[in-house]
Structure formats: structure tokens, C-alpha cells
Amino acid sequence: MPDFIANMEPHWAWLSLGVLLAAAEIVAPGFFLIWVGAAAVVTGVVAWVVPLSIPLQLGIFAILSFVALYGGRRWLKANPITTTDPHLNQRGGRLVGEVLTVTKAIEDGRGRARVGDGEWPVHGPDTAEGAKVRVVSADGGVLVVEAA
């Protein structure tokens, strides 16, 4: 182990851990690591102000992590994060209500329709090529359509 790590004051280790966890939250967002990182930073500040043994610091960190996670979860339940675009990452869901042109006749419930500059598989009633259909829902990567 390098000397600078072996000789590091515990509060610097806690503060470093808190910053690393906050950075990890930015890289891999999940809204979990930020609470544990906050607990590490508070533990580091407490250890800096009051000289504590390592086991006591670990206990404080464990308690603060639990309190931060529980409090964060309760706050998020009471104040859910809403979006202005609920179908942001659901391209099929964004197409509901759109009128498309059938490019491969829908036979036995399956066919293809033009979406922008591409084609998507569609399910729906038998429809001739060139007919217009309206998207009523999306089932994964397949659009469910009805006659327009």
C-alpha cells in the first residue's frame, strides 16, 4: 500500500469516498449512490471535527447511510420526478395516434408500415399495401394499428 494512503487521515478518506460516490452517480445514475456519498461526506466532516475511532466512524457512516437512503426514498415518494415527455425512450409509444402508410400488406395480422424514412413491423386487421392505418399502441418494437 502506498505511504500516502497508509498515512491518510480518516476524514480525508471519508471525504474522498463521498466525492467518488457522487461522481459515480453522475456516470451511472440510479439515484442511490448520491445518498451513500452524502453519508460519507458527513461522516468525514464529523471525523474531522471530532476525533473518533475507526469503528465508531463506520457505525456513524452506516447509520447516516440508512437515514439518507430512507429519507431520500420517502422524499421521492412524496415528490415524484415527473417528465414533460413520458415516452422519451419509448419510440413506439411516441407513435400512438400517428397515421402511417402500409408498405407491405397486412396479412394474417402482420405487415409493415412507413415511419419517417424507415419501416416498422405492424399488427392489425388485414389491410392492402398503400392503405392508411392509425397506431393505437406499441408492443415492444411492433406497432398495433387499425384502419385510419
C-alpha atoms as a PDB file:
ATOM      1  CA  MET A   1       0.000   0.000   0.000  1.00  0.00           C
ATOM      2  CA  PRO A   2       1.424   3.425  -0.899  1.00  0.00           C
ATOM      3  CA  ASP A   3       2.603   5.571   2.006  1.00  0.00           C
ATOM      4  CA  PHE A   4       0.196   8.409   1.257  1.00  0.00           C
ATOM      5  CA  ILE A   5      -2.777   6.051   1.668  1.00  0.00           C
ATOM      6  CA  ALA A   6      -1.403   4.390   4.798  1.00  0.00           C
ATOM      7  CA  ASN A   7      -0.735   7.807   6.385  1.00  0.00           C
ATOM      8  CA  MET A   8      -4.019   9.393   5.265  1.00  0.00           C
ATOM      9  CA  GLU A   9      -6.198  10.869   7.958  1.00  0.00           C
ATOM     10  CA  PRO A  10      -9.551   9.015   8.123  1.00  0.00           C
ATOM     11  CA  HIS A  11     -11.612  12.136   7.458  1.00  0.00           C
ATOM     12  CA  TRP A  12      -9.854  12.595   4.093  1.00  0.00           C
ATOM     13  CA  ALA A  13     -10.695   9.007   3.193  1.00  0.00           C
ATOM     14  CA  TRP A  14     -14.386   9.634   4.008  1.00  0.00           C
ATOM     15  CA  LEU A  15     -14.459  12.905   2.079  1.00  0.00           C
ATOM     16  CA  SER A  16     -12.724  11.255  -0.896  1.00  0.00           C
ATOM     17  CA  LEU A  17     -15.178   8.359  -0.808  1.00  0.00           C
ATOM     18  CA  GLY A  18     -18.094  10.799  -0.772  1.00  0.00           C
ATOM     19  CA  VAL A  19     -16.758  12.668  -3.810  1.00  0.00           C
ATOM     20  CA  LEU A  20     -16.072   9.396  -5.660  1.00  0.00           C
ATOM     21  CA  LEU A  21     -19.607   8.143  -4.979  1.00  0.00           C
ATOM     22  CA  ALA A  22     -21.085  11.447  -6.180  1.00  0.00           C
ATOM     23  CA  ALA A  23     -19.003  11.165  -9.363  1.00  0.00           C
ATOM     24  CA  ALA A  24     -20.131   7.552  -9.787  1.00  0.00           C
ATOM     25  CA  GLU A  25     -23.753   8.743  -9.528  1.00  0.00           C
ATOM     26  CA  ILE A  26     -23.115  11.088 -12.442  1.00  0.00           C
ATOM     27  CA  VAL A  27     -21.541   8.321 -14.538  1.00  0.00           C
ATOM     28  CA  ALA A  28     -24.093   5.627 -13.619  1.00  0.00           C
ATOM     29  CA  PRO A  29     -27.238   7.438 -12.485  1.00  0.00           C
ATOM     30  CA  GLY A  30     -29.571   5.470 -10.295  1.00  0.00           C
ATOM     31  CA  PHE A  31     -30.260   7.989  -7.520  1.00  0.00           C
ATOM     32  CA  PHE A  32     -28.731   5.657  -4.936  1.00  0.00           C
ATOM     33  CA  LEU A  33     -25.023   6.398  -4.709  1.00  0.00           C
ATOM     34  CA  ILE A  34     -25.601  10.100  -4.046  1.00  0.00           C
ATOM     35  CA  TRP A  35     -27.205   9.296  -0.675  1.00  0.00           C
ATOM     36  CA  VAL A  36     -24.381   6.993   0.371  1.00  0.00           C
ATOM     37  CA  GLY A  37     -21.894   9.617  -0.854  1.00  0.00           C
ATOM     38  CA  ALA A  38     -23.618  12.275   1.251  1.00  0.00           C
ATOM     39  CA  ALA A  39     -23.366   9.985   4.286  1.00  0.00           C
ATOM     40  CA  ALA A  40     -19.635   9.545   3.613  1.00  0.00           C
ATOM     41  CA  VAL A  41     -19.100  13.319   3.350  1.00  0.00           C
ATOM     42  CA  VAL A  42     -20.993  13.971   6.610  1.00  0.00           C
ATOM     43  CA  THR A  43     -19.007  11.182   8.284  1.00  0.00           C
ATOM     44  CA  GLY A  44     -15.804  12.818   7.019  1.00  0.00           C
ATOM     45  CA  VAL A  45     -16.801  16.213   8.397  1.00  0.00           C
ATOM     46  CA  VAL A  46     -17.738  14.708  11.773  1.00  0.00           C
ATOM     47  CA  ALA A  47     -14.444  12.767  11.892  1.00  0.00           C
ATOM     48  CA  TRP A  48     -12.565  15.967  11.030  1.00  0.00           C
ATOM     49  CA  VAL A  49     -14.220  17.985  13.817  1.00  0.00           C
ATOM     50  CA  VAL A  50     -14.349  15.268  16.489  1.00  0.00           C
ATOM     51  CA  PRO A  51     -11.542  12.696  16.724  1.00  0.00           C
ATOM     52  CA  LEU A  52     -13.300   9.322  16.591  1.00  0.00           C
ATOM     53  CA  SER A  53     -12.111   5.744  16.371  1.00  0.00           C
ATOM     54  CA  ILE A  54     -12.461   3.925  13.049  1.00  0.00           C
ATOM     55  CA  PRO A  55     -15.180   1.526  14.339  1.00  0.00           C
ATOM     56  CA  LEU A  56     -17.216   4.495  15.573  1.00  0.00           C
ATOM     57  CA  GLN A  57     -16.766   6.233  12.198  1.00  0.00           C
ATOM     58  CA  LEU A  58     -18.003   3.088  10.430  1.00  0.00           C
ATOM     59  CA  GLY A  59     -21.027   2.971  12.739  1.00  0.00           C
ATOM     60  CA  ILE A  60     -21.820   6.634  12.058  1.00  0.00           C
ATOM     61  CA  PHE A  61     -21.456   6.013   8.317  1.00  0.00           C
ATOM     62  CA  ALA A  62     -23.812   3.010   8.470  1.00  0.00           C
ATOM     63  CA  ILE A  63     -26.448   4.945  10.401  1.00  0.00           C
ATOM     64  CA  LEU A  64     -26.155   8.015   8.169  1.00  0.00           C
ATOM     65  CA  SER A  65     -26.372   5.849   5.035  1.00  0.00           C
ATOM     66  CA  PHE A  66     -29.558   4.225   6.282  1.00  0.00           C
ATOM     67  CA  VAL A  67     -31.097   7.566   7.300  1.00  0.00           C
ATOM     68  CA  ALA A  68     -30.119   9.217   3.991  1.00  0.00           C
ATOM     69  CA  LEU A  69     -31.474   6.348   1.884  1.00  0.00           C
ATOM     70  CA  TYR A  70     -34.695   6.107   3.880  1.00  0.00           C
ATOM     71  CA  GLY A  71     -35.195   9.877   3.876  1.00  0.00           C
ATOM     72  CA  GLY A  72     -34.413  10.140   0.169  1.00  0.00           C
ATOM     73  CA  ARG A  73     -36.838   7.364  -0.661  1.00  0.00           C
ATOM     74  CA  ARG A  74     -39.625   8.965   1.395  1.00  0.00           C
ATOM     75  CA  TRP A  75     -38.969  12.361  -0.174  1.00  0.00           C
ATOM     76  CA  LEU A  76     -39.045  10.908  -3.690  1.00  0.00           C
ATOM     77  CA  LYS A  77     -42.278   9.068  -2.921  1.00  0.00           C
ATOM     78  CA  ALA A  78     -43.885  12.319  -1.782  1.00  0.00           C
ATOM     79  CA  ASN A  79     -42.299  14.368  -4.618  1.00  0.00           C
ATOM     80  CA  PRO A  80     -42.061  12.093  -7.668  1.00  0.00           C
ATOM     81  CA  ILE A  81     -39.899  13.225 -10.550  1.00  0.00           C
ATOM     82  CA  THR A  82     -42.179  13.969 -13.474  1.00  0.00           C
ATOM     83  CA  THR A  83     -41.233  14.420 -17.084  1.00  0.00           C
ATOM     84  CA  THR A  84     -42.727  16.561 -19.811  1.00  0.00           C
ATOM     85  CA  ASP A  85     -42.214  13.688 -22.260  1.00  0.00           C
ATOM     86  CA  PRO A  86     -43.253  10.358 -20.695  1.00  0.00           C
ATOM     87  CA  HIS A  87     -42.422   8.453 -23.919  1.00  0.00           C
ATOM     88  CA  LEU A  88     -38.911   9.883 -24.238  1.00  0.00           C
ATOM     89  CA  ASN A  89     -37.232   6.489 -24.560  1.00  0.00           C
ATOM     90  CA  GLN A  90     -40.237   4.623 -25.954  1.00  0.00           C
ATOM     91  CA  ARG A  91     -40.245   5.380 -29.640  1.00  0.00           C
ATOM     92  CA  GLY A  92     -43.197   3.093 -30.313  1.00  0.00           C
ATOM     93  CA  GLY A  93     -45.220   4.821 -27.610  1.00  0.00           C
ATOM     94  CA  ARG A  94     -44.475   8.190 -29.205  1.00  0.00           C
ATOM     95  CA  LEU A  95     -46.090   6.984 -32.436  1.00  0.00           C
ATOM     96  CA  VAL A  96     -49.522   6.299 -30.909  1.00  0.00           C
ATOM     97  CA  GLY A  97     -52.108   8.299 -32.840  1.00  0.00           C
ATOM     98  CA  GLU A  98     -49.907   8.710 -35.936  1.00  0.00           C
ATOM     99  CA  VAL A  99     -51.304   7.790 -39.353  1.00  0.00           C
ATOM    100  CA  LEU A 100     -48.937   5.584 -41.374  1.00  0.00           C
ATOM    101  CA  THR A 101     -48.891   4.140 -44.873  1.00  0.00           C
ATOM    102  CA  VAL A 102     -48.786   0.349 -45.224  1.00  0.00           C
ATOM    103  CA  THR A 103     -45.715  -0.683 -47.269  1.00  0.00           C
ATOM    104  CA  LYS A 104     -46.220  -4.443 -47.048  1.00  0.00           C
ATOM    105  CA  ALA A 105     -49.832  -5.599 -46.946  1.00  0.00           C
ATOM    106  CA  ILE A 106     -51.048  -6.720 -43.543  1.00  0.00           C
ATOM    107  CA  GLU A 107     -51.942 -10.380 -43.954  1.00  0.00           C
ATOM    108  CA  ASP A 108     -52.819 -12.707 -41.095  1.00  0.00           C
ATOM    109  CA  GLY A 109     -52.347  -9.722 -38.797  1.00  0.00           C
ATOM    110  CA  ARG A 110     -48.754  -8.936 -39.832  1.00  0.00           C
ATOM    111  CA  GLY A 111     -47.272  -6.389 -42.176  1.00  0.00           C
ATOM    112  CA  ARG A 112     -45.051  -3.314 -42.395  1.00  0.00           C
ATOM    113  CA  ALA A 113     -45.705   0.435 -42.452  1.00  0.00           C
ATOM    114  CA  ARG A 114     -43.622   3.505 -43.250  1.00  0.00           C
ATOM    115  CA  VAL A 115     -42.460   5.527 -40.246  1.00  0.00           C
ATOM    116  CA  GLY A 116     -40.433   8.540 -41.289  1.00  0.00           C
ATOM    117  CA  ASP A 117     -37.693   7.249 -43.582  1.00  0.00           C
ATOM    118  CA  GLY A 118     -37.911   3.645 -42.347  1.00  0.00           C
ATOM    119  CA  GLU A 119     -40.367   0.811 -41.907  1.00  0.00           C
ATOM    120  CA  TRP A 120     -41.764  -0.784 -38.793  1.00  0.00           C
ATOM    121  CA  PRO A 121     -43.490  -4.123 -38.318  1.00  0.00           C
ATOM    122  CA  VAL A 122     -47.194  -3.750 -37.599  1.00  0.00           C
ATOM    123  CA  HIS A 123     -50.017  -5.939 -36.274  1.00  0.00           C
ATOM    124  CA  GLY A 124     -53.601  -5.288 -37.164  1.00  0.00           C
ATOM    125  CA  PRO A 125     -56.534  -6.201 -39.400  1.00  0.00           C
ATOM    126  CA  ASP A 126     -55.773  -7.292 -42.978  1.00  0.00           C
ATOM    127  CA  THR A 127     -55.027  -4.161 -44.986  1.00  0.00           C
ATOM    128  CA  ALA A 128     -53.828  -3.613 -48.559  1.00  0.00           C
ATOM    129  CA  GLU A 129     -50.466  -2.075 -49.413  1.00  0.00           C
ATOM    130  CA  GLY A 130     -50.717   1.726 -49.683  1.00  0.00           C
ATOM    131  CA  ALA A 131     -53.643   1.992 -47.252  1.00  0.00           C
ATOM    132  CA  LYS A 132     -53.539   4.332 -44.253  1.00  0.00           C
ATOM    133  CA  VAL A 133     -53.526   2.946 -40.717  1.00  0.00           C
ATOM    134  CA  ARG A 134     -53.515   4.609 -37.303  1.00  0.00           C
ATOM    135  CA  VAL A 135     -51.198   3.451 -34.498  1.00  0.00           C
ATOM    136  CA  VAL A 136     -53.227   2.508 -31.405  1.00  0.00           C
ATOM    137  CA  SER A 137     -50.418   1.077 -29.257  1.00  0.00           C
ATOM    138  CA  ALA A 138     -46.952  -0.391 -29.317  1.00  0.00           C
ATOM    139  CA  ASP A 139     -45.960  -3.896 -28.281  1.00  0.00           C
ATOM    140  CA  GLY A 140     -42.192  -3.705 -27.961  1.00  0.00           C
ATOM    141  CA  GLY A 141     -40.894  -2.946 -31.455  1.00  0.00           C
ATOM    142  CA  VAL A 142     -44.186  -3.814 -33.158  1.00  0.00           C
ATOM    143  CA  LEU A 143     -46.897  -1.211 -33.732  1.00  0.00           C
ATOM    144  CA  VAL A 144     -50.522  -2.224 -33.247  1.00  0.00           C
ATOM    145  CA  VAL A 145     -52.651  -0.477 -35.878  1.00  0.00           C
ATOM    146  CA  GLU A 146     -56.256  -0.066 -37.028  1.00  0.00           C
ATOM    147  CA  ALA A 147     -57.736   1.245 -40.268  1.00  0.00           C
ATOM    148  CA  ALA A 148     -57.492   5.034 -40.429  1.00  0.00           C
END
